[in-house]
Amino acid sequence: FRLLKVDPDFTVKRPGYAKLLPFFVVSGTVLIILGITVQVLWGATLGEPFVTFYVYSVYIGTALAVIGIIMGMLAGDPKTWGVYAVSGIILASVFSGLWGAGTLTIFNFPPPLPSELFMPVFIGWVMGDLIVLSTIGTALLVALTPVIKRTAIYVEKWFA
């Protein structure tokens, strides 16, 4: 945040957007989970129309979740949330995926996996991190930032 001269202020400034955020994120997540469940239970063995339902539900669910995340960014300061979304969610997930998938496949730490599995492990790791960081990480950030800013740990223009 300091590098880009962004104040880490994660307070809600537009409550209307904040009220719509859970609807879009939850409905998108439910559609994605429903589509994956239908594909696993019936799509792989029965084929159409379950595969088509899976494809549309995953795409529409992802779009709804992205709209919800954008509305969450609009609920506060867009520059602050944009920096957090890029550095705290996306880049952190990619670096974590490189570390985790590399450790399991390329560096061959236990449990050893073949190096051909790097991409599937990497994609799964990154997707899991994206979900955790965008939900739990964001909730902790919003709840704990005001508390940390009031303590002696926080030094203005050093951490931010």
N, C-alpha and C. Protein backbone atom coordinates (compact mmCIF):
# COMPACT_ATOMS: atom_id res chain seq x y z
N PHE A 1 0.82 -1.19 0.00
CA PHE A 1 0.00 0.00 0.00
C PHE A 1 0.86 1.25 0.00
N ARG A 2 2.00 1.19 0.66
CA ARG A 2 2.86 2.35 0.74
C ARG A 2 3.44 2.70 -0.63
N LEU A 3 3.83 1.69 -1.39
CA LEU A 3 4.43 1.90 -2.70
C LEU A 3 3.49 2.66 -3.63
N LEU A 4 2.21 2.39 -3.56
CA LEU A 4 1.23 3.04 -4.43
C LEU A 4 0.53 4.21 -3.76
N LYS A 5 0.97 4.59 -2.56
CA LYS A 5 0.40 5.71 -1.81
C LYS A 5 -1.11 5.54 -1.61
N VAL A 6 -1.47 4.37 -1.11
CA VAL A 6 -2.87 4.05 -0.85
C VAL A 6 -3.06 3.88 0.65
N ASP A 7 -4.06 4.57 1.20
CA ASP A 7 -4.37 4.44 2.62
C ASP A 7 -5.15 3.15 2.84
N PRO A 8 -4.72 2.29 3.75
CA PRO A 8 -5.46 1.04 3.99
C PRO A 8 -6.75 1.30 4.78
N ASP A 9 -7.70 1.95 4.13
CA ASP A 9 -8.98 2.26 4.76
C ASP A 9 -10.04 1.36 4.13
N PHE A 10 -10.46 0.34 4.86
CA PHE A 10 -11.40 -0.63 4.32
C PHE A 10 -12.80 -0.45 4.89
N THR A 11 -13.14 0.78 5.29
CA THR A 11 -14.48 1.03 5.81
C THR A 11 -15.48 1.07 4.66
N VAL A 12 -16.73 0.75 4.97
CA VAL A 12 -17.79 0.76 3.97
C VAL A 12 -18.30 2.19 3.84
N LYS A 13 -18.20 2.74 2.63
CA LYS A 13 -18.62 4.11 2.39
C LYS A 13 -19.94 4.17 1.62
N ARG A 14 -20.29 3.11 0.93
CA ARG A 14 -21.53 3.05 0.16
C ARG A 14 -22.31 1.79 0.58
N PRO A 15 -23.20 1.93 1.57
CA PRO A 15 -23.88 0.74 2.10
C PRO A 15 -24.77 0.04 1.07
N GLY A 16 -25.26 0.76 0.06
CA GLY A 16 -26.10 0.11 -0.97
C GLY A 16 -25.36 -0.98 -1.70
N TYR A 17 -24.11 -0.70 -2.07
CA TYR A 17 -23.29 -1.72 -2.74
C TYR A 17 -22.97 -2.87 -1.79
N ALA A 18 -22.73 -2.53 -0.54
CA ALA A 18 -22.38 -3.57 0.44
C ALA A 18 -23.55 -4.53 0.68
N LYS A 19 -24.79 -4.04 0.54
CA LYS A 19 -25.95 -4.92 0.73
C LYS A 19 -26.12 -5.88 -0.44
N LEU A 20 -25.71 -5.47 -1.64
CA LEU A 20 -25.84 -6.34 -2.81
C LEU A 20 -24.71 -7.35 -2.93
N LEU A 21 -23.57 -7.06 -2.31
CA LEU A 21 -22.40 -7.93 -2.40
C LEU A 21 -22.70 -9.37 -1.99
N PRO A 22 -23.28 -9.63 -0.81
CA PRO A 22 -23.51 -11.03 -0.43
C PRO A 22 -24.44 -11.77 -1.38
N PHE A 23 -25.46 -11.07 -1.90
CA PHE A 23 -26.39 -11.72 -2.83
C PHE A 23 -25.66 -12.25 -4.06
N PHE A 24 -24.85 -11.42 -4.68
CA PHE A 24 -24.16 -11.83 -5.89
C PHE A 24 -23.11 -12.91 -5.62
N VAL A 25 -22.33 -12.75 -4.57
CA VAL A 25 -21.28 -13.72 -4.28
C VAL A 25 -21.88 -15.06 -3.88
N VAL A 26 -22.89 -15.04 -3.02
CA VAL A 26 -23.50 -16.30 -2.56
C VAL A 26 -24.24 -16.99 -3.71
N SER A 27 -25.02 -16.24 -4.49
CA SER A 27 -25.74 -16.89 -5.59
C SER A 27 -24.78 -17.42 -6.64
N GLY A 28 -23.70 -16.71 -6.91
CA GLY A 28 -22.69 -17.21 -7.84
C GLY A 28 -22.02 -18.47 -7.32
N THR A 29 -21.69 -18.49 -6.04
CA THR A 29 -21.05 -19.66 -5.45
C THR A 29 -22.00 -20.86 -5.45
N VAL A 30 -23.27 -20.63 -5.14
CA VAL A 30 -24.25 -21.72 -5.15
C VAL A 30 -24.40 -22.29 -6.55
N LEU A 31 -24.45 -21.42 -7.57
CA LEU A 31 -24.55 -21.91 -8.94
C LEU A 31 -23.33 -22.74 -9.35
N ILE A 32 -22.15 -22.29 -8.97
CA ILE A 32 -20.93 -23.04 -9.30
C ILE A 32 -20.95 -24.40 -8.62
N ILE A 33 -21.27 -24.43 -7.34
CA ILE A 33 -21.31 -25.71 -6.61
C ILE A 33 -22.39 -26.63 -7.17
N LEU A 34 -23.55 -26.07 -7.50
CA LEU A 34 -24.63 -26.86 -8.09
C LEU A 34 -24.21 -27.44 -9.44
N GLY A 35 -23.58 -26.62 -10.27
CA GLY A 35 -23.12 -27.11 -11.58
C GLY A 35 -22.09 -28.21 -11.46
N ILE A 36 -21.14 -28.05 -10.55
CA ILE A 36 -20.11 -29.08 -10.36
C ILE A 36 -20.74 -30.36 -9.82
N THR A 37 -21.70 -30.23 -8.90
CA THR A 37 -22.37 -31.41 -8.35
C THR A 37 -23.13 -32.16 -9.43
N VAL A 38 -23.86 -31.43 -10.27
CA VAL A 38 -24.61 -32.07 -11.36
C VAL A 38 -23.66 -32.77 -12.32
N GLN A 39 -22.54 -32.14 -12.64
CA GLN A 39 -21.57 -32.75 -13.55
C GLN A 39 -20.98 -34.03 -12.96
N VAL A 40 -20.65 -33.99 -11.68
CA VAL A 40 -20.04 -35.17 -11.05
C VAL A 40 -21.04 -36.31 -10.94
N LEU A 41 -22.28 -35.99 -10.53
CA LEU A 41 -23.27 -37.04 -10.31
C LEU A 41 -23.86 -37.61 -11.60
N TRP A 42 -24.21 -36.73 -12.55
CA TRP A 42 -24.93 -37.19 -13.73
C TRP A 42 -24.24 -36.87 -15.06
N GLY A 43 -23.54 -35.76 -15.12
CA GLY A 43 -22.97 -35.33 -16.40
C GLY A 43 -21.93 -36.26 -16.97
N ALA A 44 -21.08 -36.81 -16.11
CA ALA A 44 -20.00 -37.68 -16.59
C ALA A 44 -20.55 -38.99 -17.16
N THR A 45 -21.67 -39.47 -16.63
CA THR A 45 -22.20 -40.76 -17.10
C THR A 45 -23.35 -40.60 -18.09
N LEU A 46 -24.23 -39.61 -17.88
CA LEU A 46 -25.42 -39.47 -18.72
C LEU A 46 -25.25 -38.47 -19.85
N GLY A 47 -24.28 -37.59 -19.77
CA GLY A 47 -24.04 -36.62 -20.85
C GLY A 47 -25.03 -35.48 -20.85
N GLU A 48 -25.55 -35.18 -22.05
CA GLU A 48 -26.48 -34.06 -22.19
C GLU A 48 -27.79 -34.37 -21.50
N PRO A 49 -28.53 -33.42 -20.98
CA PRO A 49 -28.34 -31.99 -20.87
C PRO A 49 -27.55 -31.56 -19.65
N PHE A 50 -27.03 -32.53 -18.89
CA PHE A 50 -26.34 -32.21 -17.64
C PHE A 50 -25.03 -31.47 -17.88
N VAL A 51 -24.33 -31.82 -18.95
CA VAL A 51 -23.06 -31.15 -19.26
C VAL A 51 -23.32 -29.69 -19.61
N THR A 52 -24.36 -29.44 -20.39
CA THR A 52 -24.70 -28.06 -20.76
C THR A 52 -25.09 -27.26 -19.52
N PHE A 53 -25.87 -27.86 -18.63
CA PHE A 53 -26.22 -27.18 -17.38
C PHE A 53 -24.97 -26.85 -16.58
N TYR A 54 -24.05 -27.79 -16.53
CA TYR A 54 -22.78 -27.57 -15.81
C TYR A 54 -22.03 -26.38 -16.39
N VAL A 55 -21.89 -26.35 -17.70
CA VAL A 55 -21.12 -25.27 -18.34
C VAL A 55 -21.77 -23.92 -18.07
N TYR A 56 -23.08 -23.82 -18.30
CA TYR A 56 -23.75 -22.54 -18.11
C TYR A 56 -23.76 -22.11 -16.64
N SER A 57 -23.98 -23.05 -15.74
CA SER A 57 -24.03 -22.67 -14.32
C SER A 57 -22.66 -22.22 -13.82
N VAL A 58 -21.59 -22.83 -14.29
CA VAL A 58 -20.26 -22.40 -13.86
C VAL A 58 -19.94 -21.02 -14.42
N TYR A 59 -20.25 -20.78 -15.69
CA TYR A 59 -19.96 -19.46 -16.27
C TYR A 59 -20.83 -18.37 -15.65
N ILE A 60 -22.11 -18.62 -15.50
CA ILE A 60 -23.00 -17.62 -14.91
C ILE A 60 -22.66 -17.41 -13.43
N GLY A 61 -22.38 -18.48 -12.71
CA GLY A 61 -21.98 -18.36 -11.31
C GLY A 61 -20.71 -17.57 -11.13
N THR A 62 -19.73 -17.81 -12.00
CA THR A 62 -18.48 -17.04 -11.93
C THR A 62 -18.74 -15.58 -12.23
N ALA A 63 -19.58 -15.30 -13.23
CA ALA A 63 -19.89 -13.90 -13.56
C ALA A 63 -20.59 -13.21 -12.39
N LEU A 64 -21.53 -13.89 -11.75
CA LEU A 64 -22.21 -13.30 -10.60
C LEU A 64 -21.24 -13.04 -9.45
N ALA A 65 -20.34 -13.98 -9.20
CA ALA A 65 -19.36 -13.79 -8.13
C ALA A 65 -18.43 -12.62 -8.44
N VAL A 66 -18.01 -12.48 -9.70
CA VAL A 66 -17.15 -11.36 -10.08
C VAL A 66 -17.90 -10.04 -9.93
N ILE A 67 -19.17 -10.01 -10.32
CA ILE A 67 -19.98 -8.80 -10.12
C ILE A 67 -20.06 -8.46 -8.64
N GLY A 68 -20.23 -9.47 -7.80
CA GLY A 68 -20.26 -9.25 -6.35
C GLY A 68 -18.96 -8.69 -5.82
N ILE A 69 -17.84 -9.21 -6.31
CA ILE A 69 -16.54 -8.71 -5.86
C ILE A 69 -16.34 -7.27 -6.32
N ILE A 70 -16.76 -6.95 -7.54
CA ILE A 70 -16.65 -5.57 -8.02
C ILE A 70 -17.54 -4.65 -7.19
N MET A 71 -18.74 -5.11 -6.83
CA MET A 71 -19.61 -4.30 -5.97
C MET A 71 -18.99 -4.11 -4.60
N GLY A 72 -18.29 -5.12 -4.11
CA GLY A 72 -17.58 -4.97 -2.85
C GLY A 72 -16.50 -3.92 -2.94
N MET A 73 -15.82 -3.87 -4.09
CA MET A 73 -14.80 -2.84 -4.28
C MET A 73 -15.43 -1.45 -4.32
N LEU A 74 -16.63 -1.35 -4.90
CA LEU A 74 -17.31 -0.06 -4.98
C LEU A 74 -17.90 0.37 -3.64
N ALA A 75 -18.06 -0.56 -2.70
CA ALA A 75 -18.61 -0.22 -1.39
C ALA A 75 -17.64 0.63 -0.58
N GLY A 76 -16.36 0.49 -0.83
CA GLY A 76 -15.35 1.29 -0.14
C GLY A 76 -14.58 2.13 -1.14
N ASP A 77 -13.35 2.45 -0.80
CA ASP A 77 -12.49 3.21 -1.69
C ASP A 77 -12.01 2.27 -2.80
N PRO A 78 -12.36 2.54 -4.07
CA PRO A 78 -11.99 1.62 -5.15
C PRO A 78 -10.48 1.42 -5.30
N LYS A 79 -9.69 2.45 -5.05
CA LYS A 79 -8.24 2.31 -5.20
C LYS A 79 -7.68 1.37 -4.12
N THR A 80 -8.14 1.52 -2.90
CA THR A 80 -7.69 0.65 -1.81
C THR A 80 -8.08 -0.80 -2.09
N TRP A 81 -9.33 -1.02 -2.47
CA TRP A 81 -9.79 -2.38 -2.73
C TRP A 81 -9.14 -2.96 -3.98
N GLY A 82 -8.88 -2.13 -4.97
CA GLY A 82 -8.20 -2.61 -6.18
C GLY A 82 -6.80 -3.09 -5.89
N VAL A 83 -6.06 -2.31 -5.08
CA VAL A 83 -4.70 -2.72 -4.70
C VAL A 83 -4.75 -4.01 -3.90
N TYR A 84 -5.72 -4.13 -2.99
CA TYR A 84 -5.84 -5.36 -2.21
C TYR A 84 -6.21 -6.54 -3.09
N ALA A 85 -7.14 -6.34 -4.04
CA ALA A 85 -7.56 -7.45 -4.90
C ALA A 85 -6.40 -7.96 -5.75
N VAL A 86 -5.60 -7.04 -6.29
CA VAL A 86 -4.48 -7.47 -7.14
C VAL A 86 -3.35 -8.07 -6.31
N SER A 87 -2.92 -7.34 -5.26
CA SER A 87 -1.74 -7.81 -4.52
C SER A 87 -2.08 -8.82 -3.43
N GLY A 88 -3.18 -8.63 -2.74
CA GLY A 88 -3.50 -9.49 -1.60
C GLY A 88 -4.27 -10.74 -1.95
N ILE A 89 -4.90 -10.75 -3.12
CA ILE A 89 -5.67 -11.94 -3.50
C ILE A 89 -5.03 -12.63 -4.70
N ILE A 90 -4.91 -11.92 -5.83
CA ILE A 90 -4.47 -12.57 -7.07
C ILE A 90 -2.99 -12.93 -7.03
N LEU A 91 -2.12 -11.95 -6.77
CA LEU A 91 -0.68 -12.24 -6.76
C LEU A 91 -0.31 -13.20 -5.63
N ALA A 92 -0.93 -13.03 -4.47
CA ALA A 92 -0.64 -13.95 -3.36
C ALA A 92 -1.06 -15.37 -3.70
N SER A 93 -2.18 -15.54 -4.39
CA SER A 93 -2.62 -16.88 -4.78
C SER A 93 -1.68 -17.51 -5.81
N VAL A 94 -1.21 -16.71 -6.77
CA VAL A 94 -0.30 -17.23 -7.79
C VAL A 94 1.03 -17.65 -7.16
N PHE A 95 1.60 -16.80 -6.32
CA PHE A 95 2.87 -17.15 -5.67
C PHE A 95 2.70 -18.36 -4.74
N SER A 96 1.59 -18.43 -4.03
CA SER A 96 1.33 -19.58 -3.17
C SER A 96 1.18 -20.85 -4.00
N GLY A 97 0.50 -20.75 -5.14
CA GLY A 97 0.35 -21.91 -6.02
C GLY A 97 1.67 -22.37 -6.59
N LEU A 98 2.53 -21.42 -6.97
CA LEU A 98 3.87 -21.79 -7.47
C LEU A 98 4.66 -22.51 -6.38
N TRP A 99 4.60 -21.98 -5.18
CA TRP A 99 5.33 -22.59 -4.06
C TRP A 99 4.77 -23.98 -3.74
N GLY A 100 3.45 -24.07 -3.59
CA GLY A 100 2.84 -25.34 -3.21
C GLY A 100 2.96 -26.41 -4.28
N ALA A 101 2.62 -26.07 -5.52
CA ALA A 101 2.70 -27.06 -6.60
C ALA A 101 4.14 -27.42 -6.90
N GLY A 102 5.03 -26.43 -6.81
CA GLY A 102 6.45 -26.72 -7.03
C GLY A 102 7.01 -27.64 -5.97
N THR A 103 6.61 -27.42 -4.73
CA THR A 103 7.08 -28.28 -3.63
C THR A 103 6.60 -29.71 -3.81
N LEU A 104 5.35 -29.88 -4.21
CA LEU A 104 4.79 -31.23 -4.34
C LEU A 104 5.25 -31.96 -5.60
N THR A 105 5.53 -31.24 -6.68
CA THR A 105 5.82 -31.92 -7.94
C THR A 105 7.28 -31.77 -8.38
N ILE A 106 7.76 -30.56 -8.49
CA ILE A 106 9.11 -30.34 -9.03
C ILE A 106 10.18 -30.67 -8.01
N PHE A 107 10.03 -30.15 -6.78
CA PHE A 107 11.04 -30.39 -5.74
C PHE A 107 10.86 -31.75 -5.07
N ASN A 108 9.70 -32.39 -5.33
CA ASN A 108 9.45 -33.77 -4.93
C ASN A 108 9.50 -34.01 -3.42
N PHE A 109 8.98 -33.04 -2.65
CA PHE A 109 8.86 -33.28 -1.22
C PHE A 109 7.66 -34.18 -0.97
N PRO A 110 7.60 -34.83 0.20
CA PRO A 110 6.50 -35.77 0.45
C PRO A 110 5.16 -35.05 0.45
N PRO A 111 4.13 -35.62 -0.06
CA PRO A 111 4.10 -36.86 -0.83
C PRO A 111 4.57 -36.58 -2.26
N PRO A 112 5.48 -37.36 -2.78
CA PRO A 112 6.01 -37.07 -4.11
C PRO A 112 4.95 -37.28 -5.20
N LEU A 113 4.85 -36.32 -6.07
CA LEU A 113 3.94 -36.41 -7.21
C LEU A 113 4.77 -36.29 -8.49
N PRO A 114 4.32 -36.88 -9.58
CA PRO A 114 5.07 -36.73 -10.83
C PRO A 114 5.06 -35.28 -11.31
N SER A 115 6.11 -34.86 -11.96
CA SER A 115 6.22 -33.47 -12.40
C SER A 115 5.18 -33.11 -13.45
N GLU A 116 4.59 -34.11 -14.12
CA GLU A 116 3.54 -33.83 -15.11
C GLU A 116 2.28 -33.27 -14.46
N LEU A 117 2.15 -33.46 -13.17
CA LEU A 117 0.96 -32.98 -12.47
C LEU A 117 1.09 -31.55 -11.97
N PHE A 118 2.16 -30.85 -12.38
CA PHE A 118 2.37 -29.48 -11.88
C PHE A 118 1.17 -28.59 -12.20
N MET A 119 0.72 -28.55 -13.47
CA MET A 119 -0.36 -27.63 -13.85
C MET A 119 -1.68 -27.94 -13.14
N PRO A 120 -2.14 -29.19 -13.08
CA PRO A 120 -3.39 -29.43 -12.34
C PRO A 120 -3.28 -29.07 -10.85
N VAL A 121 -2.14 -29.39 -10.24
CA VAL A 121 -1.95 -29.05 -8.83
C VAL A 121 -1.89 -27.54 -8.66
N PHE A 122 -1.18 -26.86 -9.56
CA PHE A 122 -1.05 -25.40 -9.51
C PHE A 122 -2.42 -24.73 -9.65
N ILE A 123 -3.21 -25.15 -10.63
CA ILE A 123 -4.52 -24.53 -10.85
C ILE A 123 -5.43 -24.79 -9.65
N GLY A 124 -5.43 -26.00 -9.13
CA GLY A 124 -6.25 -26.29 -7.95
C GLY A 124 -5.82 -25.49 -6.74
N TRP A 125 -4.51 -25.34 -6.56
CA TRP A 125 -3.99 -24.59 -5.43
C TRP A 125 -4.38 -23.12 -5.54
N VAL A 126 -4.21 -22.55 -6.74
CA VAL A 126 -4.54 -21.13 -6.94
C VAL A 126 -6.03 -20.90 -6.76
N MET A 127 -6.87 -21.76 -7.32
CA MET A 127 -8.32 -21.58 -7.18
C MET A 127 -8.74 -21.67 -5.71
N GLY A 128 -8.17 -22.61 -4.98
CA GLY A 128 -8.48 -22.72 -3.56
C GLY A 128 -8.05 -21.49 -2.78
N ASP A 129 -6.86 -20.98 -3.09
CA ASP A 129 -6.39 -19.77 -2.43
C ASP A 129 -7.25 -18.56 -2.79
N LEU A 130 -7.67 -18.47 -4.04
CA LEU A 130 -8.54 -17.35 -4.44
C LEU A 130 -9.83 -17.35 -3.63
N ILE A 131 -10.40 -18.51 -3.42
CA ILE A 131 -11.64 -18.60 -2.65
C ILE A 131 -11.39 -18.19 -1.20
N VAL A 132 -10.34 -18.72 -0.60
CA VAL A 132 -10.07 -18.43 0.82
C VAL A 132 -9.70 -16.97 1.02
N LEU A 133 -8.79 -16.46 0.19
CA LEU A 133 -8.35 -15.08 0.37
C LEU A 133 -9.45 -14.07 0.06
N SER A 134 -10.32 -14.38 -0.89
CA SER A 134 -11.36 -13.41 -1.22
C SER A 134 -12.52 -13.45 -0.22
N THR A 135 -12.65 -14.51 0.55
CA THR A 135 -13.73 -14.56 1.53
C THR A 135 -13.21 -14.34 2.94
N ILE A 136 -12.48 -15.30 3.46
CA ILE A 136 -12.01 -15.22 4.85
C ILE A 136 -10.99 -14.10 5.02
N GLY A 137 -10.05 -14.00 4.08
CA GLY A 137 -9.02 -12.96 4.17
C GLY A 137 -9.61 -11.56 4.14
N THR A 138 -10.61 -11.36 3.28
CA THR A 138 -11.25 -10.05 3.19
C THR A 138 -12.02 -9.73 4.46
N ALA A 139 -12.72 -10.71 5.00
CA ALA A 139 -13.47 -10.48 6.24
C ALA A 139 -12.52 -10.12 7.38
N LEU A 140 -11.41 -10.84 7.50
CA LEU A 140 -10.43 -10.52 8.54
C LEU A 140 -9.81 -9.15 8.32
N LEU A 141 -9.55 -8.81 7.07
CA LEU A 141 -8.96 -7.51 6.76
C LEU A 141 -9.89 -6.37 7.17
N VAL A 142 -11.16 -6.49 6.83
CA VAL A 142 -12.13 -5.45 7.18
C VAL A 142 -12.30 -5.35 8.68
N ALA A 143 -12.32 -6.48 9.38
CA ALA A 143 -12.54 -6.47 10.82
C ALA A 143 -11.32 -6.02 11.60
N LEU A 144 -10.12 -6.41 11.17
CA LEU A 144 -8.92 -6.15 11.97
C LEU A 144 -8.16 -4.87 11.60
N THR A 145 -8.35 -4.33 10.40
CA THR A 145 -7.61 -3.12 10.02
C THR A 145 -7.87 -1.96 10.97
N PRO A 146 -9.13 -1.63 11.33
CA PRO A 146 -9.33 -0.52 12.28
C PRO A 146 -8.68 -0.78 13.64
N VAL A 147 -8.68 -2.03 14.08
CA VAL A 147 -8.08 -2.37 15.38
C VAL A 147 -6.57 -2.17 15.31
N ILE A 148 -5.94 -2.65 14.26
CA ILE A 148 -4.48 -2.52 14.12
C ILE A 148 -4.08 -1.06 13.95
N LYS A 149 -4.90 -0.27 13.25
CA LYS A 149 -4.56 1.14 13.04
C LYS A 149 -4.58 1.93 14.35
N ARG A 150 -5.30 1.43 15.37
CA ARG A 150 -5.35 2.13 16.66
C ARG A 150 -4.22 1.72 17.60
N THR A 151 -3.45 0.70 17.25
CA THR A 151 -2.38 0.23 18.14
C THR A 151 -1.06 0.90 17.80
N ALA A 152 -0.06 0.65 18.65
CA ALA A 152 1.27 1.20 18.42
C ALA A 152 2.01 0.47 17.30
N ILE A 153 1.51 -0.67 16.88
CA ILE A 153 2.14 -1.41 15.78
C ILE A 153 2.06 -0.63 14.48
N TYR A 154 0.94 0.06 14.27
CA TYR A 154 0.71 0.78 13.02
C TYR A 154 1.46 2.10 13.03
N VAL A 155 2.33 2.30 12.07
CA VAL A 155 3.07 3.55 11.92
C VAL A 155 2.67 4.16 10.58
N GLU A 156 2.08 5.35 10.63
CA GLU A 156 1.63 6.03 9.41
C GLU A 156 2.80 6.25 8.46
N LYS A 157 2.57 6.01 7.20
CA LYS A 157 3.55 6.15 6.12
C LYS A 157 4.67 5.13 6.19
N TRP A 158 4.55 4.14 7.03
CA TRP A 158 5.52 3.05 7.03
C TRP A 158 4.86 1.79 6.48
N PHE A 159 3.75 1.36 7.13
CA PHE A 159 2.99 0.24 6.60
C PHE A 159 2.09 0.69 5.46
N ALA A 160 1.74 1.95 5.45
CA ALA A 160 0.85 2.45 4.40
C ALA A 160 1.35 3.77 3.88
